[in-house]
Amino acid sequence: MLLSNMESIPGKEILECLGLVSGSTVRAKHLGRDMVASLKNMVGGELKGYTELLQEAREEALRRMQKEAELRGANAVLNVRFSTSSVAQGAAELFAYGTAVRVSA
């Protein structure tokens, strides 16, 4: 499955547009990670606990989007984008979406 944030893939012809596909996940902060992040926030530097949390959320949202695209018979998803929103205090949704297409081999 090809994923691209471009509107087309150089060298490939779009044979069929199969519509919008999406995947999302809602993640909550881990209490232990939140306490470490609060301390780290005072001295600066990367908040590794949150970095890992967001990376896992992006990967899960992409997997779910790809699964929806596969069910539609797509072999590529173009114009892939991410969005986030706060669902509740301490929980956020990470949303991936794009256009499922079938492209030439």
Foldseek 3Di string as FASTA:
>chain_A
DAEELAPDDPPKDFPWWQFKFKFKDKDFQDPVLVVVVVVCVVVDDDSVSVVVVVVVGVVRGVVRRVVVLVVSVAPYFYSKDWDKDADDVRMIMIMIMTIGTHIDD
